[in-house]
């Protein structure tokens, strides 16, 4: 399996390991080799960004005897969304699931990181780290608004991108520089 970046590689390996252990077949993780286009092909190769590198590799092996062993996994980004902001404010998702073409799987949402925004993950974190007397009430209230919060965040992100107010960042945010997690407390600097 070929993914875009090093962080994607780490995430997919962890996910595969988790799933293999869930079905009590940990040996399956040894059968899937995961690598990143970022580490395989130098940036100055002229091939383009990591997503384009994966697409080029997938095209180059079509019809080869080993092509069935290859899977590319790329961020969907803005593929298959229709949004003519000047005519309508409606964002149309033309493929709200996984899209698989020529051995490439596109994420169901904008990017791989969308898989981290699952209600149970957030709820579990909240239950463990909250200091209020009854965290279950807060979790239930949060559960009621979770989907609309995610949609709102995505809408703001898409609008800001369309308006050229957002720029792609080169790497992750060093959150430890401005957030401290202690038992029962979150401190923002």
N, C-alpha and C. Protein backbone atom coordinates (compact mmCIF):
# COMPACT_ATOMS: atom_id res chain seq x y z
N UNK A 1 0.85 -1.16 0.00
CA UNK A 1 0.00 0.00 0.00
C UNK A 1 0.90 1.23 0.00
N UNK A 2 0.56 2.17 -0.85
CA UNK A 2 1.32 3.41 -0.94
C UNK A 2 0.43 4.58 -0.53
N UNK A 3 0.87 5.34 0.45
CA UNK A 3 0.13 6.49 0.94
C UNK A 3 0.93 7.75 0.66
N UNK A 4 0.33 8.91 0.90
CA UNK A 4 0.98 10.17 0.54
C UNK A 4 2.19 10.51 1.41
N UNK A 5 2.01 10.60 2.70
CA UNK A 5 3.09 11.08 3.56
C UNK A 5 3.43 10.15 4.70
N UNK A 6 4.46 10.53 5.46
CA UNK A 6 4.93 9.72 6.58
C UNK A 6 3.87 9.57 7.67
N UNK A 7 3.13 10.65 7.93
CA UNK A 7 2.08 10.58 8.94
C UNK A 7 0.95 9.65 8.50
N UNK A 8 0.63 9.66 7.21
CA UNK A 8 -0.38 8.75 6.67
C UNK A 8 0.08 7.29 6.83
N UNK A 9 1.34 7.05 6.58
CA UNK A 9 1.91 5.70 6.73
C UNK A 9 1.75 5.21 8.16
N UNK A 10 2.10 6.06 9.11
CA UNK A 10 1.98 5.71 10.52
C UNK A 10 0.52 5.40 10.87
N UNK A 11 -0.39 6.26 10.42
CA UNK A 11 -1.81 6.09 10.73
C UNK A 11 -2.34 4.78 10.14
N UNK A 12 -2.05 4.51 8.88
CA UNK A 12 -2.54 3.29 8.22
C UNK A 12 -1.97 2.04 8.90
N UNK A 13 -0.68 2.06 9.23
CA UNK A 13 -0.08 0.92 9.92
C UNK A 13 -0.77 0.66 11.25
N UNK A 14 -1.04 1.72 11.99
CA UNK A 14 -1.73 1.57 13.28
C UNK A 14 -3.14 1.04 13.08
N UNK A 15 -3.84 1.55 12.07
CA UNK A 15 -5.20 1.11 11.80
C UNK A 15 -5.22 -0.37 11.39
N UNK A 16 -4.30 -0.77 10.52
CA UNK A 16 -4.23 -2.17 10.09
C UNK A 16 -3.93 -3.09 11.27
N UNK A 17 -3.02 -2.67 12.12
CA UNK A 17 -2.68 -3.46 13.30
C UNK A 17 -3.90 -3.61 14.22
N UNK A 18 -4.60 -2.53 14.43
CA UNK A 18 -5.80 -2.56 15.27
C UNK A 18 -6.84 -3.52 14.69
N UNK A 19 -7.11 -3.40 13.38
CA UNK A 19 -8.11 -4.26 12.75
C UNK A 19 -7.70 -5.72 12.76
N UNK A 20 -6.42 -5.99 12.52
CA UNK A 20 -5.93 -7.38 12.53
C UNK A 20 -6.09 -7.99 13.93
N UNK A 21 -5.82 -7.21 14.96
CA UNK A 21 -5.98 -7.70 16.33
C UNK A 21 -7.45 -7.88 16.68
N UNK A 22 -8.31 -7.02 16.13
CA UNK A 22 -9.76 -7.14 16.39
C UNK A 22 -10.31 -8.46 15.87
N UNK A 23 -9.78 -8.96 14.76
CA UNK A 23 -10.26 -10.24 14.21
C UNK A 23 -9.35 -11.39 14.63
N UNK A 24 -8.47 -11.11 15.59
CA UNK A 24 -7.56 -12.11 16.16
C UNK A 24 -6.65 -12.75 15.11
N UNK A 25 -6.13 -11.92 14.19
CA UNK A 25 -5.18 -12.38 13.18
C UNK A 25 -4.05 -11.36 13.05
N UNK A 26 -3.25 -11.17 14.12
CA UNK A 26 -2.19 -10.16 14.07
C UNK A 26 -1.16 -10.39 12.97
N UNK A 27 -1.05 -11.63 12.48
CA UNK A 27 -0.08 -11.93 11.42
C UNK A 27 -0.43 -11.23 10.10
N UNK A 28 -1.65 -10.78 9.95
CA UNK A 28 -2.04 -10.09 8.71
C UNK A 28 -1.27 -8.79 8.50
N UNK A 29 -0.82 -8.16 9.58
CA UNK A 29 -0.08 -6.91 9.43
C UNK A 29 1.25 -7.13 8.73
N UNK A 30 1.80 -8.32 8.83
CA UNK A 30 3.07 -8.62 8.17
C UNK A 30 2.89 -8.84 6.66
N UNK A 31 1.65 -9.06 6.23
CA UNK A 31 1.38 -9.32 4.82
C UNK A 31 1.13 -8.04 4.03
N UNK A 32 1.01 -6.92 4.72
CA UNK A 32 0.75 -5.64 4.04
C UNK A 32 1.93 -4.70 4.29
N UNK A 33 2.62 -4.36 3.24
CA UNK A 33 3.72 -3.41 3.32
C UNK A 33 3.16 -2.02 3.01
N UNK A 34 3.36 -1.10 3.93
CA UNK A 34 2.88 0.27 3.74
C UNK A 34 4.10 1.18 3.59
N UNK A 35 4.06 2.03 2.58
CA UNK A 35 5.14 3.01 2.40
C UNK A 35 4.52 4.32 1.93
N UNK A 36 5.33 5.37 1.98
CA UNK A 36 4.81 6.69 1.58
C UNK A 36 5.53 7.19 0.34
N UNK A 37 4.77 7.86 -0.52
CA UNK A 37 5.35 8.46 -1.72
C UNK A 37 6.37 9.51 -1.32
N UNK A 38 6.14 10.16 -0.20
CA UNK A 38 7.05 11.19 0.29
C UNK A 38 8.46 10.63 0.53
N UNK A 39 8.53 9.41 1.04
CA UNK A 39 9.85 8.84 1.32
C UNK A 39 10.44 8.08 0.14
N UNK A 40 9.60 7.65 -0.82
CA UNK A 40 10.09 6.87 -1.96
C UNK A 40 10.62 7.73 -3.11
N UNK A 41 9.95 8.84 -3.35
CA UNK A 41 10.29 9.65 -4.52
C UNK A 41 10.67 11.04 -4.06
N UNK A 42 11.86 11.49 -4.46
CA UNK A 42 12.34 12.80 -4.04
C UNK A 42 11.44 13.91 -4.55
N UNK A 43 11.34 14.96 -3.75
CA UNK A 43 10.48 16.10 -4.10
C UNK A 43 10.90 16.77 -5.41
N UNK A 44 12.19 16.76 -5.70
CA UNK A 44 12.69 17.43 -6.91
C UNK A 44 12.67 16.52 -8.14
N UNK A 45 11.93 15.40 -8.08
CA UNK A 45 11.89 14.47 -9.21
C UNK A 45 11.06 14.99 -10.38
N UNK A 46 10.26 16.05 -10.13
CA UNK A 46 9.42 16.61 -11.18
C UNK A 46 8.08 15.91 -11.32
N UNK A 47 7.82 14.92 -10.49
CA UNK A 47 6.58 14.16 -10.57
C UNK A 47 5.40 14.93 -10.02
N UNK A 48 5.62 15.85 -9.12
CA UNK A 48 4.52 16.60 -8.52
C UNK A 48 4.40 16.31 -7.04
N UNK A 49 3.22 16.59 -6.49
CA UNK A 49 3.01 16.34 -5.06
C UNK A 49 2.83 14.84 -4.81
N UNK A 50 2.73 14.46 -3.56
CA UNK A 50 2.67 13.04 -3.21
C UNK A 50 1.45 12.33 -3.81
N UNK A 51 0.33 13.01 -3.87
CA UNK A 51 -0.87 12.43 -4.47
C UNK A 51 -0.61 12.15 -5.96
N UNK A 52 0.00 13.09 -6.65
CA UNK A 52 0.30 12.91 -8.07
C UNK A 52 1.31 11.78 -8.28
N UNK A 53 2.24 11.63 -7.35
CA UNK A 53 3.21 10.53 -7.45
C UNK A 53 2.50 9.18 -7.41
N UNK A 54 1.55 9.04 -6.48
CA UNK A 54 0.81 7.79 -6.36
C UNK A 54 -0.02 7.54 -7.62
N UNK A 55 -0.64 8.57 -8.14
CA UNK A 55 -1.44 8.42 -9.37
C UNK A 55 -0.56 8.00 -10.54
N UNK A 56 0.64 8.55 -10.64
CA UNK A 56 1.57 8.18 -11.72
C UNK A 56 1.98 6.71 -11.60
N UNK A 57 2.29 6.28 -10.38
CA UNK A 57 2.69 4.88 -10.17
C UNK A 57 1.54 3.96 -10.53
N UNK A 58 0.32 4.29 -10.09
CA UNK A 58 -0.85 3.46 -10.38
C UNK A 58 -1.05 3.35 -11.90
N UNK A 59 -0.92 4.45 -12.62
CA UNK A 59 -1.07 4.41 -14.08
C UNK A 59 0.01 3.57 -14.73
N UNK A 60 1.22 3.64 -14.19
CA UNK A 60 2.35 2.93 -14.82
C UNK A 60 2.27 1.42 -14.67
N UNK A 61 1.48 0.92 -13.71
CA UNK A 61 1.43 -0.53 -13.52
C UNK A 61 0.13 -1.17 -14.01
N UNK A 62 -0.76 -0.37 -14.59
CA UNK A 62 -2.00 -0.93 -15.14
C UNK A 62 -1.66 -2.00 -16.17
N UNK A 63 -2.27 -3.17 -16.01
CA UNK A 63 -2.05 -4.26 -16.95
C UNK A 63 -0.84 -5.13 -16.63
N UNK A 64 -0.03 -4.74 -15.66
CA UNK A 64 1.13 -5.56 -15.28
C UNK A 64 0.66 -6.73 -14.41
N UNK A 65 1.43 -7.81 -14.42
CA UNK A 65 1.03 -9.01 -13.68
C UNK A 65 0.98 -8.79 -12.16
N UNK A 66 1.68 -7.81 -11.67
CA UNK A 66 1.72 -7.55 -10.22
C UNK A 66 0.82 -6.40 -9.78
N UNK A 67 0.06 -5.83 -10.71
CA UNK A 67 -0.76 -4.66 -10.37
C UNK A 67 -1.80 -4.95 -9.29
N UNK A 68 -2.25 -6.22 -9.20
CA UNK A 68 -3.25 -6.57 -8.19
C UNK A 68 -2.69 -6.48 -6.76
N UNK A 69 -1.38 -6.39 -6.62
CA UNK A 69 -0.76 -6.29 -5.30
C UNK A 69 -0.62 -4.84 -4.83
N UNK A 70 -0.91 -3.91 -5.70
CA UNK A 70 -0.73 -2.49 -5.39
C UNK A 70 -2.05 -1.84 -5.00
N UNK A 71 -2.00 -1.05 -3.93
CA UNK A 71 -3.12 -0.20 -3.54
C UNK A 71 -2.54 1.16 -3.19
N UNK A 72 -3.06 2.18 -3.82
CA UNK A 72 -2.70 3.55 -3.46
C UNK A 72 -3.83 4.13 -2.62
N UNK A 73 -3.48 4.90 -1.61
CA UNK A 73 -4.49 5.51 -0.75
C UNK A 73 -4.19 7.00 -0.70
N UNK A 74 -5.10 7.82 -1.26
CA UNK A 74 -4.84 9.25 -1.34
C UNK A 74 -5.98 10.04 -0.71
N UNK A 75 -5.64 11.25 -0.31
CA UNK A 75 -6.65 12.17 0.18
C UNK A 75 -7.54 12.60 -0.96
N UNK A 76 -8.79 12.70 -0.70
CA UNK A 76 -9.75 13.12 -1.72
C UNK A 76 -9.60 14.61 -2.02
N UNK A 77 -9.22 15.37 -1.04
CA UNK A 77 -9.10 16.82 -1.17
C UNK A 77 -10.44 17.37 -1.68
N UNK A 78 -10.44 18.09 -2.79
CA UNK A 78 -11.68 18.66 -3.31
C UNK A 78 -12.20 17.91 -4.53
N UNK A 79 -11.70 16.69 -4.78
CA UNK A 79 -12.18 15.90 -5.90
C UNK A 79 -13.65 15.52 -5.69
N UNK A 80 -14.42 15.61 -6.74
CA UNK A 80 -15.83 15.20 -6.77
C UNK A 80 -16.74 16.03 -5.86
N UNK A 81 -16.35 17.26 -5.59
CA UNK A 81 -17.23 18.22 -4.94
C UNK A 81 -17.61 19.26 -6.00
N UNK A 82 -18.85 19.67 -6.03
CA UNK A 82 -19.28 20.77 -6.88
C UNK A 82 -19.64 21.94 -5.99
N UNK A 83 -19.03 23.07 -6.28
CA UNK A 83 -19.35 24.25 -5.50
C UNK A 83 -19.08 25.48 -6.34
N UNK A 84 -20.12 25.99 -6.92
CA UNK A 84 -20.02 27.23 -7.67
C UNK A 84 -20.55 28.32 -6.75
N UNK A 85 -19.65 28.87 -5.96
CA UNK A 85 -20.03 29.80 -4.90
C UNK A 85 -20.75 31.03 -5.43
N UNK A 86 -20.41 31.45 -6.63
CA UNK A 86 -21.05 32.65 -7.18
C UNK A 86 -22.54 32.41 -7.47
N UNK A 87 -22.93 31.18 -7.83
CA UNK A 87 -24.32 30.88 -8.16
C UNK A 87 -25.11 30.36 -6.96
N UNK A 88 -24.50 29.55 -6.15
CA UNK A 88 -25.20 28.94 -5.03
C UNK A 88 -24.23 28.70 -3.88
N UNK A 89 -24.74 28.72 -2.68
CA UNK A 89 -23.89 28.43 -1.53
C UNK A 89 -23.95 26.93 -1.16
N UNK A 90 -24.54 26.13 -2.00
CA UNK A 90 -24.69 24.71 -1.70
C UNK A 90 -23.45 23.96 -2.19
N UNK A 91 -22.84 23.23 -1.29
CA UNK A 91 -21.70 22.38 -1.63
C UNK A 91 -22.24 20.98 -1.88
N UNK A 92 -22.06 20.47 -3.07
CA UNK A 92 -22.58 19.16 -3.44
C UNK A 92 -21.46 18.13 -3.42
N UNK A 93 -21.62 17.11 -2.59
CA UNK A 93 -20.68 16.00 -2.52
C UNK A 93 -21.17 14.94 -3.48
N UNK A 94 -20.45 14.76 -4.59
CA UNK A 94 -20.89 13.83 -5.63
C UNK A 94 -20.50 12.38 -5.37
N UNK A 95 -19.75 12.15 -4.32
CA UNK A 95 -19.37 10.79 -4.00
C UNK A 95 -19.07 10.70 -2.51
N UNK A 96 -20.12 10.59 -1.68
CA UNK A 96 -19.91 10.65 -0.23
C UNK A 96 -19.38 9.36 0.39
N UNK A 97 -18.75 8.51 -0.38
CA UNK A 97 -18.15 7.29 0.15
C UNK A 97 -16.74 7.16 -0.37
N UNK A 98 -16.15 6.00 -0.21
CA UNK A 98 -14.83 5.76 -0.77
C UNK A 98 -14.96 5.64 -2.28
N UNK A 99 -13.99 6.13 -2.99
CA UNK A 99 -13.97 6.04 -4.44
C UNK A 99 -12.72 5.25 -4.81
N UNK A 100 -12.90 4.16 -5.55
CA UNK A 100 -11.77 3.32 -5.94
C UNK A 100 -11.68 3.31 -7.46
N UNK A 101 -10.55 3.76 -7.98
CA UNK A 101 -10.29 3.77 -9.42
C UNK A 101 -8.85 3.35 -9.66
N UNK A 102 -8.66 2.43 -10.59
CA UNK A 102 -7.31 1.99 -10.98
C UNK A 102 -6.39 1.75 -9.78
N UNK A 103 -6.85 0.97 -8.82
CA UNK A 103 -6.05 0.58 -7.65
C UNK A 103 -5.76 1.74 -6.71
N UNK A 104 -6.50 2.85 -6.83
CA UNK A 104 -6.34 3.98 -5.90
C UNK A 104 -7.63 4.17 -5.14
N UNK A 105 -7.50 4.21 -3.83
CA UNK A 105 -8.65 4.48 -2.97
C UNK A 105 -8.55 5.94 -2.53
N UNK A 106 -9.63 6.68 -2.73
CA UNK A 106 -9.69 8.06 -2.24
C UNK A 106 -10.47 8.05 -0.93
N UNK A 107 -10.04 8.84 0.03
CA UNK A 107 -10.71 8.90 1.32
C UNK A 107 -12.17 9.30 1.14
N UNK A 108 -12.99 8.91 2.10
CA UNK A 108 -14.42 9.23 2.00
C UNK A 108 -14.68 10.69 2.28
N UNK A 109 -13.84 11.33 3.04
CA UNK A 109 -13.96 12.76 3.32
C UNK A 109 -12.84 13.49 2.62
N UNK A 110 -12.57 14.66 3.06
CA UNK A 110 -11.54 15.50 2.43
C UNK A 110 -10.16 14.87 2.54
N UNK A 111 -9.83 14.27 3.70
CA UNK A 111 -8.49 13.73 3.89
C UNK A 111 -8.50 12.58 4.91
N UNK A 112 -7.37 11.92 5.01
CA UNK A 112 -7.22 10.80 5.94
C UNK A 112 -7.51 11.22 7.37
N UNK A 113 -7.18 12.45 7.70
CA UNK A 113 -7.40 12.93 9.07
C UNK A 113 -8.88 12.93 9.45
N UNK A 114 -9.79 12.94 8.46
CA UNK A 114 -11.22 12.89 8.77
C UNK A 114 -11.59 11.62 9.53
N UNK A 115 -10.82 10.55 9.35
CA UNK A 115 -11.12 9.31 10.05
C UNK A 115 -10.88 9.44 11.55
N UNK A 116 -10.13 10.44 11.95
CA UNK A 116 -9.88 10.66 13.37
C UNK A 116 -11.06 11.37 14.05
N UNK A 117 -11.96 11.96 13.27
CA UNK A 117 -13.10 12.68 13.82
C UNK A 117 -14.30 11.75 13.94
N UNK A 118 -14.20 10.81 14.82
CA UNK A 118 -15.30 9.90 15.10
C UNK A 118 -15.83 10.22 16.48
N UNK A 119 -17.11 10.21 16.63
CA UNK A 119 -17.75 10.60 17.87
C UNK A 119 -17.27 9.79 19.06
N UNK A 120 -17.15 8.48 18.90
CA UNK A 120 -16.72 7.65 20.03
C UNK A 120 -15.33 8.01 20.52
N UNK A 121 -14.43 8.35 19.61
CA UNK A 121 -13.08 8.74 19.99
C UNK A 121 -13.11 10.01 20.82
N UNK A 122 -13.85 11.00 20.33
CA UNK A 122 -13.95 12.27 21.05
C UNK A 122 -14.66 12.07 22.39
N UNK A 123 -15.74 11.28 22.39
CA UNK A 123 -16.49 11.04 23.62
C UNK A 123 -15.63 10.35 24.68
N UNK A 124 -14.87 9.34 24.26
CA UNK A 124 -13.99 8.64 25.20
C UNK A 124 -12.96 9.58 25.79
N UNK A 125 -12.35 10.42 24.95
CA UNK A 125 -11.38 11.39 25.44
C UNK A 125 -12.03 12.33 26.44
N UNK A 126 -13.23 12.79 26.11
CA UNK A 126 -13.94 13.73 26.98
C UNK A 126 -14.27 13.07 28.32
N UNK A 127 -14.76 11.82 28.29
CA UNK A 127 -15.08 11.11 29.53
C UNK A 127 -13.87 10.97 30.44
N UNK A 128 -12.72 10.71 29.85
CA UNK A 128 -11.50 10.49 30.64
C UNK A 128 -10.94 11.80 31.19
N UNK A 129 -11.01 12.86 30.42
CA UNK A 129 -10.31 14.10 30.78
C UNK A 129 -11.17 15.22 31.36
N UNK A 130 -12.46 15.01 31.51
CA UNK A 130 -13.29 16.08 32.03
C UNK A 130 -13.23 16.14 33.56
N UNK A 131 -13.49 17.32 34.10
CA UNK A 131 -13.48 17.48 35.56
C UNK A 131 -14.87 17.78 36.11
N UNK A 132 -15.89 17.76 35.25
CA UNK A 132 -17.24 18.04 35.74
C UNK A 132 -17.80 16.82 36.47
N UNK A 133 -18.74 17.02 37.40
CA UNK A 133 -19.24 15.91 38.22
C UNK A 133 -19.88 14.77 37.43
N UNK A 134 -20.62 15.09 36.36
CA UNK A 134 -21.29 14.05 35.59
C UNK A 134 -20.93 14.17 34.11
N UNK A 135 -19.82 13.56 33.70
CA UNK A 135 -19.37 13.71 32.32
C UNK A 135 -20.32 13.09 31.30
N UNK A 136 -21.14 12.13 31.73
CA UNK A 136 -22.05 11.47 30.80
C UNK A 136 -23.09 12.45 30.24
N UNK A 137 -23.55 13.38 31.08
CA UNK A 137 -24.52 14.39 30.61
C UNK A 137 -23.87 15.25 29.53
N UNK A 138 -22.65 15.71 29.79
CA UNK A 138 -21.94 16.54 28.81
C UNK A 138 -21.67 15.76 27.53
N UNK A 139 -21.30 14.49 27.66
CA UNK A 139 -21.04 13.66 26.48
C UNK A 139 -22.31 13.50 25.66
N UNK A 140 -23.44 13.28 26.31
CA UNK A 140 -24.71 13.13 25.59
C UNK A 140 -25.09 14.42 24.88
N UNK A 141 -24.87 15.58 25.52
CA UNK A 141 -25.15 16.85 24.87
C UNK A 141 -24.23 17.05 23.66
N UNK A 142 -22.95 16.71 23.85
CA UNK A 142 -21.99 16.83 22.75
C UNK A 142 -22.37 15.90 21.60
N UNK A 143 -22.83 14.71 21.94
CA UNK A 143 -23.24 13.73 20.94
C UNK A 143 -24.34 14.29 20.04
N UNK A 144 -25.24 15.09 20.62
CA UNK A 144 -26.36 15.66 19.87
C UNK A 144 -25.90 16.69 18.83
N UNK A 145 -24.79 17.38 19.10
CA UNK A 145 -24.36 18.44 18.18
C UNK A 145 -23.12 18.07 17.38
N UNK A 146 -22.55 16.88 17.60
CA UNK A 146 -21.27 16.52 16.99
C UNK A 146 -21.28 16.68 15.47
N UNK A 147 -22.27 16.10 14.81
CA UNK A 147 -22.31 16.12 13.35
C UNK A 147 -22.38 17.56 12.83
N UNK A 148 -23.19 18.39 13.45
CA UNK A 148 -23.31 19.77 12.97
C UNK A 148 -22.02 20.55 13.23
N UNK A 149 -21.30 20.22 14.30
CA UNK A 149 -20.01 20.87 14.57
C UNK A 149 -19.00 20.50 13.49
N UNK A 150 -18.93 19.23 13.11
CA UNK A 150 -18.02 18.79 12.06
C UNK A 150 -18.39 19.44 10.73
N UNK A 151 -19.69 19.46 10.38
CA UNK A 151 -20.12 20.10 9.14
C UNK A 151 -19.77 21.59 9.13
N UNK A 152 -19.98 22.23 10.27
CA UNK A 152 -19.67 23.67 10.36
C UNK A 152 -18.17 23.91 10.18
N UNK A 153 -17.35 23.10 10.82
CA UNK A 153 -15.89 23.25 10.69
C UNK A 153 -15.46 23.03 9.24
N UNK A 154 -16.02 22.01 8.59
CA UNK A 154 -15.69 21.75 7.19
C UNK A 154 -16.14 22.89 6.29
N UNK A 155 -17.32 23.42 6.56
CA UNK A 155 -17.84 24.52 5.76
C UNK A 155 -16.94 25.75 5.87
N UNK A 156 -16.53 26.06 7.09
CA UNK A 156 -15.62 27.20 7.29
C UNK A 156 -14.31 26.97 6.57
N UNK A 157 -13.77 25.75 6.68
CA UNK A 157 -12.52 25.43 6.00
C UNK A 157 -12.62 25.54 4.50
N UNK A 158 -13.71 25.01 3.92
CA UNK A 158 -13.90 25.09 2.48
C UNK A 158 -14.10 26.53 2.01
N UNK A 159 -14.89 27.30 2.77
CA UNK A 159 -15.12 28.70 2.40
C UNK A 159 -13.83 29.50 2.48
N UNK A 160 -13.05 29.27 3.52
CA UNK A 160 -11.78 29.99 3.67
C UNK A 160 -10.80 29.60 2.57
N UNK A 161 -10.80 28.33 2.18
CA UNK A 161 -9.93 27.88 1.10
C UNK A 161 -10.37 28.51 -0.21
N UNK A 162 -11.67 28.50 -0.48
CA UNK A 162 -12.21 29.08 -1.71
C UNK A 162 -11.90 30.57 -1.79
N UNK A 163 -11.91 31.24 -0.64
CA UNK A 163 -11.64 32.68 -0.58
C UNK A 163 -10.15 33.00 -0.47
N UNK A 164 -9.31 31.98 -0.56
CA UNK A 164 -7.85 32.11 -0.44
C UNK A 164 -7.41 32.69 0.91
N UNK A 165 -8.18 32.37 1.95
CA UNK A 165 -7.81 32.81 3.29
C UNK A 165 -7.01 31.75 4.04
N UNK A 166 -7.01 30.53 3.51
CA UNK A 166 -6.25 29.44 4.12
C UNK A 166 -5.14 29.02 3.18
N UNK A 167 -4.03 28.63 3.75
CA UNK A 167 -2.94 28.08 2.97
C UNK A 167 -2.58 26.72 3.54
N UNK A 168 -2.15 25.84 2.69
CA UNK A 168 -1.73 24.52 3.15
C UNK A 168 -0.48 24.66 3.99
N UNK A 169 -0.45 23.96 5.13
CA UNK A 169 0.74 24.00 5.98
C UNK A 169 1.67 22.86 5.61
N UNK A 170 2.93 23.04 5.88
CA UNK A 170 3.93 22.05 5.48
C UNK A 170 3.93 20.81 6.37
N UNK A 171 3.62 20.97 7.65
CA UNK A 171 3.61 19.81 8.54
C UNK A 171 2.64 20.08 9.67
N UNK A 172 2.60 19.17 10.62
CA UNK A 172 1.68 19.28 11.74
C UNK A 172 2.00 20.45 12.65
N UNK A 173 1.03 20.76 13.48
CA UNK A 173 1.17 21.84 14.44
C UNK A 173 1.80 21.27 15.71
N UNK A 174 2.84 21.89 16.23
CA UNK A 174 3.46 21.39 17.47
C UNK A 174 2.57 21.73 18.68
N UNK A 175 1.49 20.95 18.85
CA UNK A 175 0.48 21.25 19.85
C UNK A 175 1.03 21.30 21.27
N UNK A 176 2.12 20.60 21.51
CA UNK A 176 2.68 20.60 22.87
C UNK A 176 3.21 21.98 23.28
N UNK A 177 3.39 22.87 22.28
CA UNK A 177 3.85 24.21 22.59
C UNK A 177 2.74 25.09 23.16
N UNK A 178 1.46 24.70 22.94
CA UNK A 178 0.40 25.56 23.44
C UNK A 178 -0.71 24.82 24.18
N UNK A 179 -0.61 23.51 24.34
CA UNK A 179 -1.59 22.75 25.12
C UNK A 179 -0.85 21.83 26.08
N UNK A 180 -1.29 21.82 27.33
CA UNK A 180 -0.73 20.90 28.31
C UNK A 180 -1.86 20.05 28.87
N UNK A 181 -1.70 18.74 28.78
CA UNK A 181 -2.69 17.82 29.32
C UNK A 181 -2.17 17.24 30.62
N UNK A 182 -2.94 17.43 31.68
CA UNK A 182 -2.62 16.81 32.96
C UNK A 182 -3.84 16.03 33.40
N UNK A 183 -3.73 15.29 34.48
CA UNK A 183 -4.89 14.50 34.90
C UNK A 183 -6.02 15.45 35.30
N UNK A 184 -7.09 15.38 34.53
CA UNK A 184 -8.27 16.16 34.82
C UNK A 184 -8.22 17.62 34.42
N UNK A 185 -7.18 18.02 33.66
CA UNK A 185 -7.08 19.45 33.32
C UNK A 185 -6.42 19.63 31.95
N UNK A 186 -6.93 20.58 31.20
CA UNK A 186 -6.32 20.98 29.92
C UNK A 186 -5.97 22.46 30.03
N UNK A 187 -4.71 22.78 29.81
CA UNK A 187 -4.24 24.18 29.92
C UNK A 187 -3.82 24.65 28.55
N UNK A 188 -4.38 25.79 28.10
CA UNK A 188 -4.01 26.40 26.83
C UNK A 188 -3.09 27.58 27.10
N UNK A 189 -1.97 27.67 26.37
CA UNK A 189 -1.03 28.78 26.55
C UNK A 189 -1.23 29.84 25.50
